[in-house]
Amino acid sequence: MKAKLVILFIFPFAIAFGQSNFRVTNFSMTIDGTSNLHDWQSTVKEVRATASITADAGTLKSINSLYVEIPVKTIKSNKSSIMDSKTYDALKANKYQNITYKLEKVTGMNARGNTYDITTVGYLTIAGTSNKIDMHVKGSVGGDGSITFSGSKKIKMTDYKLKPPTALLGTLTTGDEVDIHFQVTLK
């Protein structure tokens, strides 16, 4: 009986503050890189994320938590399965099956009409190495209560103790820097 009273007491406060748990409903994510022969692109085929976000009447109030997980073997090259294999080897996919991002804090959120410029700090973990990174993203609240975040982030593979992939007996070498582009909708 006491548990029911506590739930009945807390529930109105959760609704009043508009805090909700969100999950991915739609996404697009690509990884762009270079090599000594041609530029390349891989597409992420699965993104999992959970977030606790406070929104009220179509207005984004706060992002309380965010955790993103990308299964490494869902990254697919637009060129060939050979590139996929090289990518999985470089990312040590057999040992580290996921790339993760965990929000530490939001350092700025400025409304610009129906969109928000959001600055965050969090931890990106690739192949067992975590680095604290700053992210600048755009946010928008949809009429259905969904929230979409979009942006891009350049990272260096060597910052995560990764060796940029090579092929054709070393005659093809990839550049160290990659550019991650994303748009993720949560609801």
N, C-alpha and C. Protein backbone atom coordinates (compact mmCIF):
# COMPACT_ATOMS: atom_id res chain seq x y z
N MET A 1 0.82 -1.20 0.00
CA MET A 1 0.00 0.00 0.00
C MET A 1 0.86 1.26 0.00
N LYS A 2 1.95 1.25 0.82
CA LYS A 2 2.83 2.41 0.86
C LYS A 2 3.46 2.68 -0.49
N ALA A 3 3.87 1.62 -1.21
CA ALA A 3 4.49 1.78 -2.53
C ALA A 3 3.53 2.46 -3.49
N LYS A 4 2.25 2.09 -3.45
CA LYS A 4 1.26 2.72 -4.33
C LYS A 4 1.10 4.20 -4.00
N LEU A 5 1.13 4.54 -2.73
CA LEU A 5 1.02 5.94 -2.34
C LEU A 5 2.22 6.75 -2.80
N VAL A 6 3.41 6.17 -2.70
CA VAL A 6 4.63 6.86 -3.14
C VAL A 6 4.57 7.09 -4.65
N ILE A 7 4.16 6.08 -5.40
CA ILE A 7 4.05 6.23 -6.86
C ILE A 7 3.01 7.29 -7.20
N LEU A 8 1.88 7.26 -6.55
CA LEU A 8 0.85 8.26 -6.80
C LEU A 8 1.32 9.66 -6.44
N PHE A 9 2.19 9.77 -5.47
CA PHE A 9 2.71 11.06 -5.04
C PHE A 9 3.77 11.58 -6.01
N ILE A 10 4.66 10.71 -6.49
CA ILE A 10 5.77 11.12 -7.36
C ILE A 10 5.31 11.33 -8.79
N PHE A 11 4.37 10.54 -9.29
CA PHE A 11 3.95 10.58 -10.69
C PHE A 11 3.56 11.98 -11.16
N PRO A 12 2.75 12.75 -10.40
CA PRO A 12 2.39 14.08 -10.88
C PRO A 12 3.59 15.01 -11.04
N PHE A 13 4.62 14.85 -10.21
CA PHE A 13 5.80 15.69 -10.33
C PHE A 13 6.57 15.38 -11.61
N ALA A 14 6.66 14.10 -11.97
CA ALA A 14 7.34 13.71 -13.21
C ALA A 14 6.62 14.31 -14.41
N ILE A 15 5.29 14.29 -14.40
CA ILE A 15 4.52 14.87 -15.50
C ILE A 15 4.66 16.39 -15.52
N ALA A 16 4.62 17.01 -14.36
CA ALA A 16 4.70 18.47 -14.28
C ALA A 16 6.02 18.99 -14.84
N PHE A 17 7.09 18.27 -14.63
CA PHE A 17 8.38 18.73 -15.12
C PHE A 17 8.69 18.25 -16.53
N GLY A 18 7.86 17.42 -17.11
CA GLY A 18 8.00 17.02 -18.51
C GLY A 18 9.19 16.14 -18.81
N GLN A 19 9.79 15.54 -17.82
CA GLN A 19 10.95 14.68 -18.06
C GLN A 19 10.48 13.33 -18.56
N SER A 20 11.08 12.88 -19.66
CA SER A 20 10.69 11.60 -20.25
C SER A 20 11.92 10.84 -20.69
N ASN A 21 11.74 9.53 -20.78
CA ASN A 21 12.78 8.68 -21.33
C ASN A 21 12.55 8.52 -22.81
N PHE A 22 13.61 8.65 -23.59
CA PHE A 22 13.53 8.62 -25.04
C PHE A 22 14.38 7.49 -25.61
N ARG A 23 13.95 6.99 -26.78
CA ARG A 23 14.72 5.98 -27.52
C ARG A 23 14.73 6.37 -29.00
N VAL A 24 15.65 5.79 -29.74
CA VAL A 24 15.81 6.10 -31.16
C VAL A 24 14.59 5.63 -31.95
N THR A 25 14.06 6.51 -32.80
CA THR A 25 13.00 6.13 -33.72
C THR A 25 13.45 6.22 -35.18
N ASN A 26 14.48 7.03 -35.44
CA ASN A 26 14.97 7.21 -36.80
C ASN A 26 16.40 7.74 -36.72
N PHE A 27 17.23 7.39 -37.70
CA PHE A 27 18.60 7.90 -37.68
C PHE A 27 19.23 7.80 -39.05
N SER A 28 20.27 8.58 -39.25
CA SER A 28 21.21 8.40 -40.36
C SER A 28 22.57 8.80 -39.81
N MET A 29 23.57 7.99 -40.17
CA MET A 29 24.92 8.26 -39.71
C MET A 29 25.91 7.73 -40.74
N THR A 30 26.86 8.58 -41.10
CA THR A 30 27.90 8.16 -42.03
C THR A 30 29.26 8.54 -41.46
N ILE A 31 30.26 7.80 -41.91
CA ILE A 31 31.65 8.07 -41.55
C ILE A 31 32.38 8.31 -42.86
N ASP A 32 32.95 9.51 -43.00
CA ASP A 32 33.67 9.87 -44.22
C ASP A 32 35.16 9.92 -43.92
N GLY A 33 35.93 9.37 -44.86
CA GLY A 33 37.37 9.37 -44.70
C GLY A 33 38.07 9.53 -46.04
N THR A 34 39.37 9.54 -45.97
CA THR A 34 40.20 9.71 -47.17
C THR A 34 41.20 8.57 -47.26
N SER A 35 41.77 8.41 -48.43
CA SER A 35 42.90 7.50 -48.63
C SER A 35 43.79 8.12 -49.70
N ASN A 36 44.92 7.49 -49.94
CA ASN A 36 45.81 8.01 -50.96
C ASN A 36 45.28 7.76 -52.37
N LEU A 37 44.22 6.94 -52.51
CA LEU A 37 43.63 6.67 -53.83
C LEU A 37 42.29 7.37 -54.05
N HIS A 38 41.42 7.34 -53.03
CA HIS A 38 40.09 7.94 -53.18
C HIS A 38 39.47 8.17 -51.80
N ASP A 39 38.50 9.05 -51.75
CA ASP A 39 37.73 9.23 -50.52
C ASP A 39 36.82 8.03 -50.35
N TRP A 40 36.41 7.78 -49.13
CA TRP A 40 35.53 6.65 -48.85
C TRP A 40 34.44 7.07 -47.86
N GLN A 41 33.39 6.26 -47.80
CA GLN A 41 32.29 6.50 -46.87
C GLN A 41 31.73 5.16 -46.40
N SER A 42 31.44 5.11 -45.11
CA SER A 42 30.74 3.96 -44.54
C SER A 42 29.46 4.46 -43.89
N THR A 43 28.45 3.61 -43.90
CA THR A 43 27.15 3.96 -43.33
C THR A 43 26.89 3.10 -42.11
N VAL A 44 26.43 3.72 -41.06
CA VAL A 44 26.07 3.01 -39.83
C VAL A 44 24.64 2.51 -40.01
N LYS A 45 24.44 1.21 -39.84
CA LYS A 45 23.14 0.59 -40.07
C LYS A 45 22.32 0.40 -38.80
N GLU A 46 22.95 0.59 -37.61
CA GLU A 46 22.20 0.46 -36.36
C GLU A 46 22.74 1.44 -35.33
N VAL A 47 21.84 2.19 -34.73
CA VAL A 47 22.17 3.10 -33.63
C VAL A 47 21.17 2.84 -32.52
N ARG A 48 21.69 2.61 -31.33
CA ARG A 48 20.83 2.45 -30.15
C ARG A 48 21.14 3.62 -29.22
N ALA A 49 20.11 4.20 -28.66
CA ALA A 49 20.33 5.32 -27.74
C ALA A 49 19.18 5.40 -26.75
N THR A 50 19.51 5.84 -25.56
CA THR A 50 18.50 6.16 -24.56
C THR A 50 18.85 7.53 -23.99
N ALA A 51 17.83 8.26 -23.61
CA ALA A 51 18.05 9.60 -23.08
C ALA A 51 16.94 9.96 -22.10
N SER A 52 17.29 10.82 -21.18
CA SER A 52 16.31 11.43 -20.30
C SER A 52 16.33 12.91 -20.64
N ILE A 53 15.21 13.38 -21.16
CA ILE A 53 15.12 14.75 -21.67
C ILE A 53 13.89 15.42 -21.08
N THR A 54 14.03 16.70 -20.75
CA THR A 54 12.90 17.47 -20.26
C THR A 54 12.46 18.43 -21.36
N ALA A 55 11.21 18.30 -21.78
CA ALA A 55 10.62 19.17 -22.78
C ALA A 55 9.22 19.54 -22.31
N ASP A 56 8.79 20.74 -22.65
CA ASP A 56 7.48 21.22 -22.23
C ASP A 56 6.87 22.05 -23.34
N ALA A 57 5.70 21.67 -23.80
CA ALA A 57 4.96 22.41 -24.83
C ALA A 57 5.83 22.69 -26.06
N GLY A 58 6.55 21.66 -26.52
CA GLY A 58 7.38 21.82 -27.72
C GLY A 58 8.68 22.56 -27.49
N THR A 59 9.02 22.81 -26.24
CA THR A 59 10.25 23.52 -25.91
C THR A 59 11.21 22.58 -25.20
N LEU A 60 12.44 22.51 -25.70
CA LEU A 60 13.47 21.68 -25.08
C LEU A 60 14.01 22.42 -23.86
N LYS A 61 13.89 21.81 -22.69
CA LYS A 61 14.32 22.43 -21.43
C LYS A 61 15.70 21.94 -21.00
N SER A 62 15.91 20.62 -21.03
CA SER A 62 17.20 20.08 -20.61
C SER A 62 17.41 18.68 -21.15
N ILE A 63 18.67 18.31 -21.28
CA ILE A 63 19.06 16.95 -21.63
C ILE A 63 19.77 16.43 -20.39
N ASN A 64 19.11 15.54 -19.67
CA ASN A 64 19.62 15.07 -18.39
C ASN A 64 20.60 13.92 -18.53
N SER A 65 20.39 13.07 -19.52
CA SER A 65 21.32 11.98 -19.79
C SER A 65 21.15 11.55 -21.24
N LEU A 66 22.22 10.98 -21.78
CA LEU A 66 22.20 10.46 -23.14
C LEU A 66 23.28 9.40 -23.25
N TYR A 67 22.90 8.24 -23.77
CA TYR A 67 23.85 7.16 -24.00
C TYR A 67 23.59 6.60 -25.39
N VAL A 68 24.63 6.56 -26.22
CA VAL A 68 24.52 6.07 -27.60
C VAL A 68 25.44 4.87 -27.77
N GLU A 69 24.94 3.88 -28.49
CA GLU A 69 25.73 2.67 -28.74
C GLU A 69 25.60 2.30 -30.21
N ILE A 70 26.75 2.06 -30.85
CA ILE A 70 26.79 1.67 -32.25
C ILE A 70 27.49 0.32 -32.36
N PRO A 71 26.79 -0.73 -32.75
CA PRO A 71 27.45 -2.01 -32.96
C PRO A 71 28.43 -1.90 -34.14
N VAL A 72 29.70 -2.17 -33.89
CA VAL A 72 30.74 -1.98 -34.90
C VAL A 72 30.42 -2.72 -36.19
N LYS A 73 29.93 -3.94 -36.10
CA LYS A 73 29.71 -4.73 -37.32
C LYS A 73 28.46 -4.31 -38.09
N THR A 74 27.83 -3.19 -37.68
CA THR A 74 26.74 -2.63 -38.48
C THR A 74 27.24 -1.45 -39.32
N ILE A 75 28.55 -1.19 -39.27
CA ILE A 75 29.16 -0.16 -40.12
C ILE A 75 29.50 -0.83 -41.45
N LYS A 76 28.91 -0.31 -42.52
CA LYS A 76 29.07 -0.93 -43.84
C LYS A 76 29.64 0.08 -44.84
N SER A 77 30.64 -0.37 -45.57
CA SER A 77 31.27 0.46 -46.59
C SER A 77 30.37 0.62 -47.81
N ASN A 78 30.46 1.76 -48.44
CA ASN A 78 29.75 1.96 -49.71
C ASN A 78 30.56 1.41 -50.88
N LYS A 79 31.78 0.90 -50.58
CA LYS A 79 32.67 0.38 -51.63
C LYS A 79 32.61 -1.15 -51.73
N SER A 80 32.97 -1.85 -50.62
CA SER A 80 33.04 -3.31 -50.71
C SER A 80 33.10 -3.95 -49.34
N SER A 81 32.88 -5.25 -49.32
CA SER A 81 32.98 -6.00 -48.07
C SER A 81 34.43 -6.11 -47.61
N ILE A 82 35.38 -5.95 -48.53
CA ILE A 82 36.80 -5.94 -48.14
C ILE A 82 37.06 -4.74 -47.22
N MET A 83 36.47 -3.60 -47.56
CA MET A 83 36.61 -2.41 -46.72
C MET A 83 35.97 -2.66 -45.36
N ASP A 84 34.82 -3.35 -45.34
CA ASP A 84 34.17 -3.68 -44.06
C ASP A 84 35.12 -4.48 -43.18
N SER A 85 35.74 -5.49 -43.77
CA SER A 85 36.67 -6.34 -43.03
C SER A 85 37.83 -5.52 -42.46
N LYS A 86 38.38 -4.63 -43.26
CA LYS A 86 39.48 -3.77 -42.81
C LYS A 86 39.01 -2.85 -41.68
N THR A 87 37.79 -2.34 -41.80
CA THR A 87 37.23 -1.47 -40.77
C THR A 87 37.08 -2.24 -39.46
N TYR A 88 36.51 -3.44 -39.52
CA TYR A 88 36.30 -4.23 -38.30
C TYR A 88 37.63 -4.60 -37.65
N ASP A 89 38.64 -4.92 -38.47
CA ASP A 89 39.96 -5.21 -37.91
C ASP A 89 40.53 -3.98 -37.22
N ALA A 90 40.45 -2.82 -37.88
CA ALA A 90 40.99 -1.58 -37.32
C ALA A 90 40.29 -1.21 -36.01
N LEU A 91 38.96 -1.46 -35.94
CA LEU A 91 38.18 -1.12 -34.75
C LEU A 91 38.19 -2.23 -33.70
N LYS A 92 38.94 -3.31 -33.97
CA LYS A 92 39.06 -4.44 -33.04
C LYS A 92 37.67 -4.97 -32.64
N ALA A 93 36.84 -5.16 -33.66
CA ALA A 93 35.43 -5.50 -33.46
C ALA A 93 35.21 -6.82 -32.73
N ASN A 94 36.11 -7.76 -32.86
CA ASN A 94 35.91 -9.04 -32.17
C ASN A 94 36.05 -8.88 -30.66
N LYS A 95 36.86 -7.92 -30.22
CA LYS A 95 37.04 -7.69 -28.79
C LYS A 95 36.12 -6.59 -28.27
N TYR A 96 35.96 -5.52 -29.05
CA TYR A 96 35.15 -4.36 -28.65
C TYR A 96 34.00 -4.22 -29.64
N GLN A 97 32.85 -4.77 -29.27
CA GLN A 97 31.75 -4.89 -30.22
C GLN A 97 30.98 -3.61 -30.46
N ASN A 98 31.13 -2.60 -29.56
CA ASN A 98 30.34 -1.38 -29.69
C ASN A 98 31.20 -0.13 -29.55
N ILE A 99 30.81 0.89 -30.27
CA ILE A 99 31.32 2.24 -30.08
C ILE A 99 30.25 2.92 -29.22
N THR A 100 30.68 3.65 -28.17
CA THR A 100 29.69 4.29 -27.30
C THR A 100 30.00 5.77 -27.09
N TYR A 101 28.95 6.50 -26.79
CA TYR A 101 29.06 7.90 -26.38
C TYR A 101 28.17 8.07 -25.16
N LYS A 102 28.75 8.66 -24.10
CA LYS A 102 27.99 8.93 -22.88
C LYS A 102 28.11 10.41 -22.56
N LEU A 103 26.98 11.08 -22.53
CA LEU A 103 26.94 12.50 -22.20
C LEU A 103 27.38 12.70 -20.76
N GLU A 104 28.30 13.65 -20.57
CA GLU A 104 28.66 14.04 -19.22
C GLU A 104 27.82 15.24 -18.78
N LYS A 105 27.77 16.27 -19.66
CA LYS A 105 26.96 17.44 -19.33
C LYS A 105 26.71 18.29 -20.57
N VAL A 106 25.64 19.05 -20.50
CA VAL A 106 25.33 20.06 -21.51
C VAL A 106 25.95 21.36 -21.01
N THR A 107 26.81 21.96 -21.82
CA THR A 107 27.48 23.19 -21.41
C THR A 107 26.83 24.44 -21.99
N GLY A 108 25.93 24.25 -22.96
CA GLY A 108 25.22 25.39 -23.52
C GLY A 108 24.04 24.92 -24.36
N MET A 109 22.94 25.67 -24.28
CA MET A 109 21.77 25.37 -25.09
C MET A 109 21.07 26.69 -25.39
N ASN A 110 21.15 27.12 -26.64
CA ASN A 110 20.57 28.39 -27.06
C ASN A 110 19.49 28.16 -28.10
N ALA A 111 18.30 28.70 -27.83
CA ALA A 111 17.18 28.57 -28.76
C ALA A 111 17.36 29.55 -29.91
N ARG A 112 17.08 29.08 -31.12
CA ARG A 112 17.09 29.91 -32.33
C ARG A 112 15.83 29.55 -33.11
N GLY A 113 14.74 30.22 -32.76
CA GLY A 113 13.46 29.87 -33.37
C GLY A 113 13.02 28.51 -32.89
N ASN A 114 12.80 27.58 -33.82
CA ASN A 114 12.38 26.22 -33.48
C ASN A 114 13.54 25.25 -33.29
N THR A 115 14.77 25.75 -33.40
CA THR A 115 15.93 24.88 -33.25
C THR A 115 16.78 25.35 -32.06
N TYR A 116 17.71 24.49 -31.68
CA TYR A 116 18.58 24.78 -30.55
C TYR A 116 20.02 24.50 -30.96
N ASP A 117 20.92 25.40 -30.58
CA ASP A 117 22.35 25.15 -30.69
C ASP A 117 22.78 24.59 -29.34
N ILE A 118 23.29 23.37 -29.35
CA ILE A 118 23.60 22.67 -28.10
C ILE A 118 25.09 22.32 -28.09
N THR A 119 25.73 22.61 -26.97
CA THR A 119 27.13 22.25 -26.77
C THR A 119 27.20 21.28 -25.61
N THR A 120 27.90 20.17 -25.82
CA THR A 120 27.98 19.13 -24.80
C THR A 120 29.41 18.68 -24.58
N VAL A 121 29.60 18.00 -23.48
CA VAL A 121 30.85 17.29 -23.19
C VAL A 121 30.46 15.86 -22.84
N GLY A 122 31.18 14.91 -23.40
CA GLY A 122 30.90 13.51 -23.11
C GLY A 122 32.09 12.65 -23.42
N TYR A 123 31.89 11.35 -23.26
CA TYR A 123 32.97 10.39 -23.48
C TYR A 123 32.64 9.50 -24.67
N LEU A 124 33.53 9.53 -25.67
CA LEU A 124 33.43 8.66 -26.83
C LEU A 124 34.41 7.52 -26.62
N THR A 125 33.90 6.29 -26.70
CA THR A 125 34.74 5.11 -26.50
C THR A 125 34.76 4.29 -27.77
N ILE A 126 35.98 4.09 -28.30
CA ILE A 126 36.18 3.31 -29.52
C ILE A 126 37.30 2.31 -29.23
N ALA A 127 37.03 1.05 -29.49
CA ALA A 127 38.02 -0.03 -29.31
C ALA A 127 38.66 0.01 -27.93
N GLY A 128 37.86 0.27 -26.92
CA GLY A 128 38.34 0.24 -25.54
C GLY A 128 39.02 1.51 -25.05
N THR A 129 39.17 2.51 -25.90
CA THR A 129 39.80 3.77 -25.50
C THR A 129 38.73 4.85 -25.42
N SER A 130 38.65 5.51 -24.26
CA SER A 130 37.67 6.59 -24.05
C SER A 130 38.38 7.94 -24.06
N ASN A 131 37.79 8.88 -24.77
CA ASN A 131 38.27 10.25 -24.78
C ASN A 131 37.12 11.20 -24.50
N LYS A 132 37.40 12.22 -23.72
CA LYS A 132 36.42 13.28 -23.46
C LYS A 132 36.40 14.18 -24.69
N ILE A 133 35.19 14.41 -25.24
CA ILE A 133 35.08 15.24 -26.44
C ILE A 133 33.99 16.30 -26.26
N ASP A 134 34.17 17.40 -26.93
CA ASP A 134 33.14 18.43 -27.04
C ASP A 134 32.33 18.15 -28.29
N MET A 135 31.02 18.36 -28.21
CA MET A 135 30.16 18.18 -29.38
C MET A 135 29.29 19.42 -29.51
N HIS A 136 29.12 19.86 -30.75
CA HIS A 136 28.20 20.96 -31.06
C HIS A 136 27.14 20.37 -31.98
N VAL A 137 25.89 20.39 -31.54
CA VAL A 137 24.80 19.78 -32.30
C VAL A 137 23.63 20.75 -32.42
N LYS A 138 22.79 20.48 -33.40
CA LYS A 138 21.52 21.18 -33.55
C LYS A 138 20.43 20.28 -33.00
N GLY A 139 19.47 20.86 -32.33
CA GLY A 139 18.35 20.10 -31.81
C GLY A 139 17.05 20.74 -32.26
N SER A 140 16.01 19.92 -32.40
CA SER A 140 14.69 20.44 -32.72
C SER A 140 13.64 19.52 -32.13
N VAL A 141 12.53 20.11 -31.70
CA VAL A 141 11.42 19.35 -31.12
C VAL A 141 10.32 19.25 -32.17
N GLY A 142 9.90 18.02 -32.48
CA GLY A 142 8.85 17.80 -33.46
C GLY A 142 7.47 17.94 -32.85
N GLY A 143 6.49 18.14 -33.69
CA GLY A 143 5.11 18.27 -33.25
C GLY A 143 4.59 17.02 -32.55
N ASP A 144 5.23 15.88 -32.81
CA ASP A 144 4.82 14.62 -32.18
C ASP A 144 5.56 14.35 -30.87
N GLY A 145 6.35 15.34 -30.41
CA GLY A 145 7.10 15.19 -29.17
C GLY A 145 8.48 14.58 -29.35
N SER A 146 8.82 14.25 -30.59
CA SER A 146 10.15 13.70 -30.86
C SER A 146 11.18 14.82 -30.81
N ILE A 147 12.43 14.42 -30.60
CA ILE A 147 13.52 15.38 -30.57
C ILE A 147 14.59 14.87 -31.51
N THR A 148 15.04 15.72 -32.44
CA THR A 148 16.05 15.35 -33.41
C THR A 148 17.33 16.13 -33.14
N PHE A 149 18.44 15.38 -33.10
CA PHE A 149 19.77 15.97 -32.94
C PHE A 149 20.56 15.69 -34.21
N SER A 150 21.29 16.70 -34.70
CA SER A 150 22.11 16.49 -35.89
C SER A 150 23.42 17.26 -35.74
N GLY A 151 24.43 16.75 -36.41
CA GLY A 151 25.73 17.40 -36.37
C GLY A 151 26.79 16.54 -37.00
N SER A 152 28.03 16.94 -36.76
CA SER A 152 29.17 16.17 -37.24
C SER A 152 30.32 16.34 -36.27
N LYS A 153 31.24 15.40 -36.30
CA LYS A 153 32.40 15.45 -35.42
C LYS A 153 33.58 14.81 -36.14
N LYS A 154 34.69 15.55 -36.20
CA LYS A 154 35.92 14.99 -36.76
C LYS A 154 36.73 14.40 -35.62
N ILE A 155 37.25 13.19 -35.86
CA ILE A 155 38.11 12.55 -34.88
C ILE A 155 39.30 11.93 -35.60
N LYS A 156 40.36 11.71 -34.86
CA LYS A 156 41.53 11.02 -35.40
C LYS A 156 41.55 9.60 -34.85
N MET A 157 41.76 8.65 -35.74
CA MET A 157 41.80 7.26 -35.32
C MET A 157 42.92 7.02 -34.31
N THR A 158 44.06 7.66 -34.51
CA THR A 158 45.19 7.45 -33.61
C THR A 158 44.91 7.96 -32.20
N ASP A 159 43.97 8.91 -32.04
CA ASP A 159 43.58 9.35 -30.69
C ASP A 159 42.91 8.23 -29.90
N TYR A 160 42.45 7.20 -30.60
CA TYR A 160 41.80 6.05 -29.98
C TYR A 160 42.68 4.80 -30.10
N LYS A 161 43.97 5.03 -30.32
CA LYS A 161 44.97 3.96 -30.41
C LYS A 161 44.65 2.98 -31.55
N LEU A 162 44.09 3.52 -32.63
CA LEU A 162 43.76 2.71 -33.79
C LEU A 162 44.75 3.00 -34.91
N LYS A 163 45.09 1.97 -35.64
CA LYS A 163 45.96 2.12 -36.80
C LYS A 163 45.06 2.28 -38.02
N PRO A 164 45.17 3.40 -38.75
CA PRO A 164 44.34 3.56 -39.96
C PRO A 164 44.54 2.37 -40.91
N PRO A 165 43.45 1.83 -41.44
CA PRO A 165 43.53 0.63 -42.29
C PRO A 165 44.37 0.85 -43.56
N THR A 166 44.96 -0.24 -44.02
CA THR A 166 45.67 -0.26 -45.28
C THR A 166 45.15 -1.45 -46.09
N ALA A 167 45.43 -1.43 -47.39
CA ALA A 167 45.03 -2.54 -48.27
C ALA A 167 46.03 -2.62 -49.42
N LEU A 168 45.85 -3.63 -50.22
CA LEU A 168 46.69 -3.85 -51.40
C LEU A 168 48.17 -3.83 -51.05
N LEU A 169 48.51 -4.62 -50.01
CA LEU A 169 49.89 -4.74 -49.53
C LEU A 169 50.48 -3.38 -49.14
N GLY A 170 49.64 -2.54 -48.59
CA GLY A 170 50.11 -1.24 -48.10
C GLY A 170 50.11 -0.13 -49.12
N THR A 171 49.73 -0.44 -50.38
CA THR A 171 49.72 0.62 -51.39
C THR A 171 48.52 1.55 -51.22
N LEU A 172 47.46 1.07 -50.54
CA LEU A 172 46.32 1.93 -50.22
C LEU A 172 46.37 2.20 -48.72
N THR A 173 46.48 3.47 -48.36
CA THR A 173 46.50 3.86 -46.95
C THR A 173 45.40 4.88 -46.70
N THR A 174 44.71 4.71 -45.59
CA THR A 174 43.64 5.65 -45.25
C THR A 174 44.20 6.78 -44.39
N GLY A 175 43.54 7.92 -44.46
CA GLY A 175 43.93 9.05 -43.63
C GLY A 175 43.54 8.80 -42.18
N ASP A 176 44.20 9.49 -41.27
CA ASP A 176 43.97 9.33 -39.84
C ASP A 176 42.64 9.93 -39.40
N GLU A 177 42.23 11.03 -40.03
CA GLU A 177 41.03 11.74 -39.59
C GLU A 177 39.79 11.23 -40.33
N VAL A 178 38.72 11.04 -39.58
CA VAL A 178 37.41 10.71 -40.15
C VAL A 178 36.39 11.75 -39.68
N ASP A 179 35.35 11.91 -40.46
CA ASP A 179 34.30 12.88 -40.16
C ASP A 179 32.99 12.11 -40.01
N ILE A 180 32.40 12.17 -38.81
CA ILE A 180 31.16 11.46 -38.52
C ILE A 180 30.00 12.44 -38.66
N HIS A 181 29.03 12.12 -39.50
CA HIS A 181 27.84 12.95 -39.70
C HIS A 181 26.64 12.18 -39.17
N PHE A 182 25.77 12.85 -38.41
CA PHE A 182 24.65 12.12 -37.83
C PHE A 182 23.39 12.98 -37.74
N GLN A 183 22.27 12.27 -37.76
CA GLN A 183 20.96 12.83 -37.45
C GLN A 183 20.20 11.72 -36.75
N VAL A 184 19.84 11.96 -35.49
CA VAL A 184 19.19 10.94 -34.69
C VAL A 184 17.91 11.53 -34.10
N THR A 185 16.80 10.83 -34.31
CA THR A 185 15.51 11.27 -33.76
C THR A 185 15.14 10.33 -32.61
N LEU A 186 14.81 10.93 -31.48
CA LEU A 186 14.41 10.20 -30.28
C LEU A 186 12.98 10.52 -29.94
N LYS A 187 12.27 9.54 -29.40
CA LYS A 187 10.89 9.79 -28.96
C LYS A 187 10.60 8.94 -27.75
